[in-house]
């Protein structure tokens, strides 16, 4: 972490022993060890949290990319469909909607409302 070798740690321990004294030295070492443990846990948790957030960000990027690809495919499909439907549809005039009404009876009886409409269009009253 700080690139400190074993010999540097020994020198620091000897100086600390001389400064603090032999009675307080074990307590100092335990306290330093506890702080180092807390710092390592904090760094480890922070690193795992950051890794998790980066994975979520990558997933979101992939989802956005997928959605944009799907949107472009939908646009292409819609454009092709509109073009195809436009080519298949022909303008329809009234001449194409001619209805041939024969004097013969239809296969089945007409509903009463249909018969009334037919009579009113022909000008006969019942």
Protein backbone atom coordinates (compact mmCIF):
# COMPACT_ATOMS: atom_id res chain seq x y z
CA UNK A 1 0.00 0.00 0.00
CA UNK A 2 2.67 2.48 1.04
CA UNK A 3 5.46 0.28 -0.32
CA UNK A 4 7.08 -0.16 3.09
CA UNK A 5 9.44 -3.11 3.50
CA UNK A 6 10.05 -5.29 6.53
CA UNK A 7 13.20 -3.41 7.58
CA UNK A 8 11.32 -0.08 7.60
CA UNK A 9 8.60 -1.58 9.81
CA UNK A 10 11.26 -2.79 12.29
CA UNK A 11 12.82 0.70 12.45
CA UNK A 12 9.38 2.29 13.04
CA UNK A 13 8.61 -0.29 15.78
CA UNK A 14 11.92 0.37 17.59
CA UNK A 15 11.39 4.15 17.47
CA UNK A 16 7.80 3.73 18.73
CA UNK A 17 9.03 1.47 21.54
CA UNK A 18 11.56 4.10 22.60
CA UNK A 19 9.05 6.98 22.38
CA UNK A 20 6.02 5.29 24.00
CA UNK A 21 7.79 2.94 26.38
CA UNK A 22 7.50 -0.78 26.97
CA UNK A 23 4.31 -0.52 29.07
CA UNK A 24 2.16 1.28 26.47
CA UNK A 25 3.71 -0.30 23.37
CA UNK A 26 1.39 -3.39 23.22
CA UNK A 27 -1.70 -1.15 23.51
CA UNK A 28 -0.35 1.11 20.78
CA UNK A 29 0.29 -1.86 18.47
CA UNK A 30 -3.25 -3.22 19.08
CA UNK A 31 -4.77 0.20 18.39
CA UNK A 32 -2.76 0.64 15.21
CA UNK A 33 -3.72 -2.89 14.11
CA UNK A 34 -7.41 -2.14 14.75
CA UNK A 35 -7.20 1.08 12.72
CA UNK A 36 -5.42 -0.68 9.88
CA UNK A 37 -8.14 -3.36 9.90
CA UNK A 38 -10.88 -0.71 9.78
CA UNK A 39 -9.17 1.09 6.91
CA UNK A 40 -8.76 -2.18 4.97
CA UNK A 41 -12.44 -3.11 5.50
CA UNK A 42 -13.51 0.39 4.43
CA UNK A 43 -11.37 0.22 1.30
CA UNK A 44 -12.61 -3.29 0.51
CA UNK A 45 -16.29 -2.34 0.96
CA UNK A 46 -15.85 0.83 -1.07
CA UNK A 47 -14.12 -1.10 -3.82
CA UNK A 48 -16.89 -3.73 -3.93
CA UNK A 49 -19.58 -1.00 -3.94
CA UNK A 50 -17.84 0.78 -6.81
CA UNK A 51 -17.48 -2.49 -8.74
CA UNK A 52 -21.17 -3.18 -8.24
CA UNK A 53 -22.12 0.30 -9.45
CA UNK A 54 -19.86 -0.07 -12.50
CA UNK A 55 -21.55 -3.39 -13.33
CA UNK A 56 -24.96 -1.71 -13.04
CA UNK A 57 -23.77 1.12 -15.29
CA UNK A 58 -22.54 -1.41 -17.87
CA UNK A 59 -25.89 -3.20 -17.74
CA UNK A 60 -27.70 0.11 -18.27
CA UNK A 61 -25.43 0.92 -21.22
CA UNK A 62 -26.21 -2.47 -22.76
CA UNK A 63 -29.95 -1.98 -22.20
CA UNK A 64 -29.85 1.49 -23.75
CA UNK A 65 -27.92 0.14 -26.73
CA UNK A 66 -30.41 -2.71 -27.12
CA UNK A 67 -33.37 -0.34 -26.90
CA UNK A 68 -31.88 1.97 -29.52
CA UNK A 69 -31.30 -1.01 -31.83
CA UNK A 70 -34.89 -2.14 -31.31
CA UNK A 71 -36.18 1.38 -31.94
CA UNK A 72 -34.27 1.60 -35.22
CA UNK A 73 -35.62 -1.82 -36.24
CA UNK A 74 -39.15 -0.65 -35.42
CA UNK A 75 -38.62 2.45 -37.55
CA UNK A 76 -37.39 0.32 -40.45
CA UNK A 77 -40.30 -2.09 -40.09
CA UNK A 78 -42.81 0.77 -39.86
CA UNK A 79 -41.33 2.47 -42.92
CA UNK A 80 -41.41 -0.76 -44.92
CA UNK A 81 -44.96 -1.52 -43.80
CA UNK A 82 -46.19 1.94 -44.72
CA UNK A 83 -44.47 1.71 -48.09
CA UNK A 84 -45.88 -1.76 -48.75
CA UNK A 85 -49.40 -0.81 -47.69
CA UNK A 86 -49.16 2.36 -49.77
CA UNK A 87 -48.16 0.33 -52.83
CA UNK A 88 -50.92 -2.21 -52.30
CA UNK A 89 -53.67 0.33 -51.77
CA UNK A 90 -55.09 1.95 -54.84
CA UNK A 91 -57.29 5.01 -54.87
CA UNK A 92 -60.85 3.82 -54.85
CA UNK A 93 -63.50 5.88 -56.65
CA UNK A 94 -67.30 5.57 -56.51
CA UNK A 95 -67.29 3.55 -59.73
CA UNK A 96 -65.54 0.73 -57.85
CA UNK A 97 -68.36 0.56 -55.32
CA UNK A 98 -71.20 -0.30 -57.66
CA UNK A 99 -73.87 -2.37 -56.06
CA UNK A 100 -75.93 -4.63 -58.27
CA UNK A 101 -79.41 -5.12 -56.84
CA UNK A 102 -81.34 -7.74 -58.64
CA UNK A 103 -85.09 -8.17 -58.55
CA UNK A 104 -84.75 -11.74 -57.36
CA UNK A 105 -85.11 -12.64 -53.69
CA UNK A 106 -81.91 -13.07 -51.70
CA UNK A 107 -81.00 -16.48 -50.30
CA UNK A 108 -82.29 -15.68 -46.83
CA UNK A 109 -84.89 -13.28 -45.48
CA UNK A 110 -83.76 -9.71 -44.86
CA UNK A 111 -83.85 -8.29 -41.40
CA UNK A 112 -86.73 -5.89 -40.86
CA UNK A 113 -84.41 -2.86 -40.57
CA UNK A 114 -82.58 -3.89 -43.75
CA UNK A 115 -85.89 -4.28 -45.58
CA UNK A 116 -87.02 -0.83 -44.39
CA UNK A 117 -83.79 0.75 -45.63
CA UNK A 118 -84.12 -1.01 -48.97
CA UNK A 119 -87.76 0.15 -49.30
CA UNK A 120 -86.93 3.77 -48.39
CA UNK A 121 -84.07 3.87 -50.91
CA UNK A 122 -86.33 2.52 -53.66
CA UNK A 123 -89.07 5.01 -52.80
CA UNK A 124 -91.75 2.54 -51.84
CA UNK A 125 -93.66 2.80 -48.57
CA UNK A 126 -95.17 -0.03 -46.61
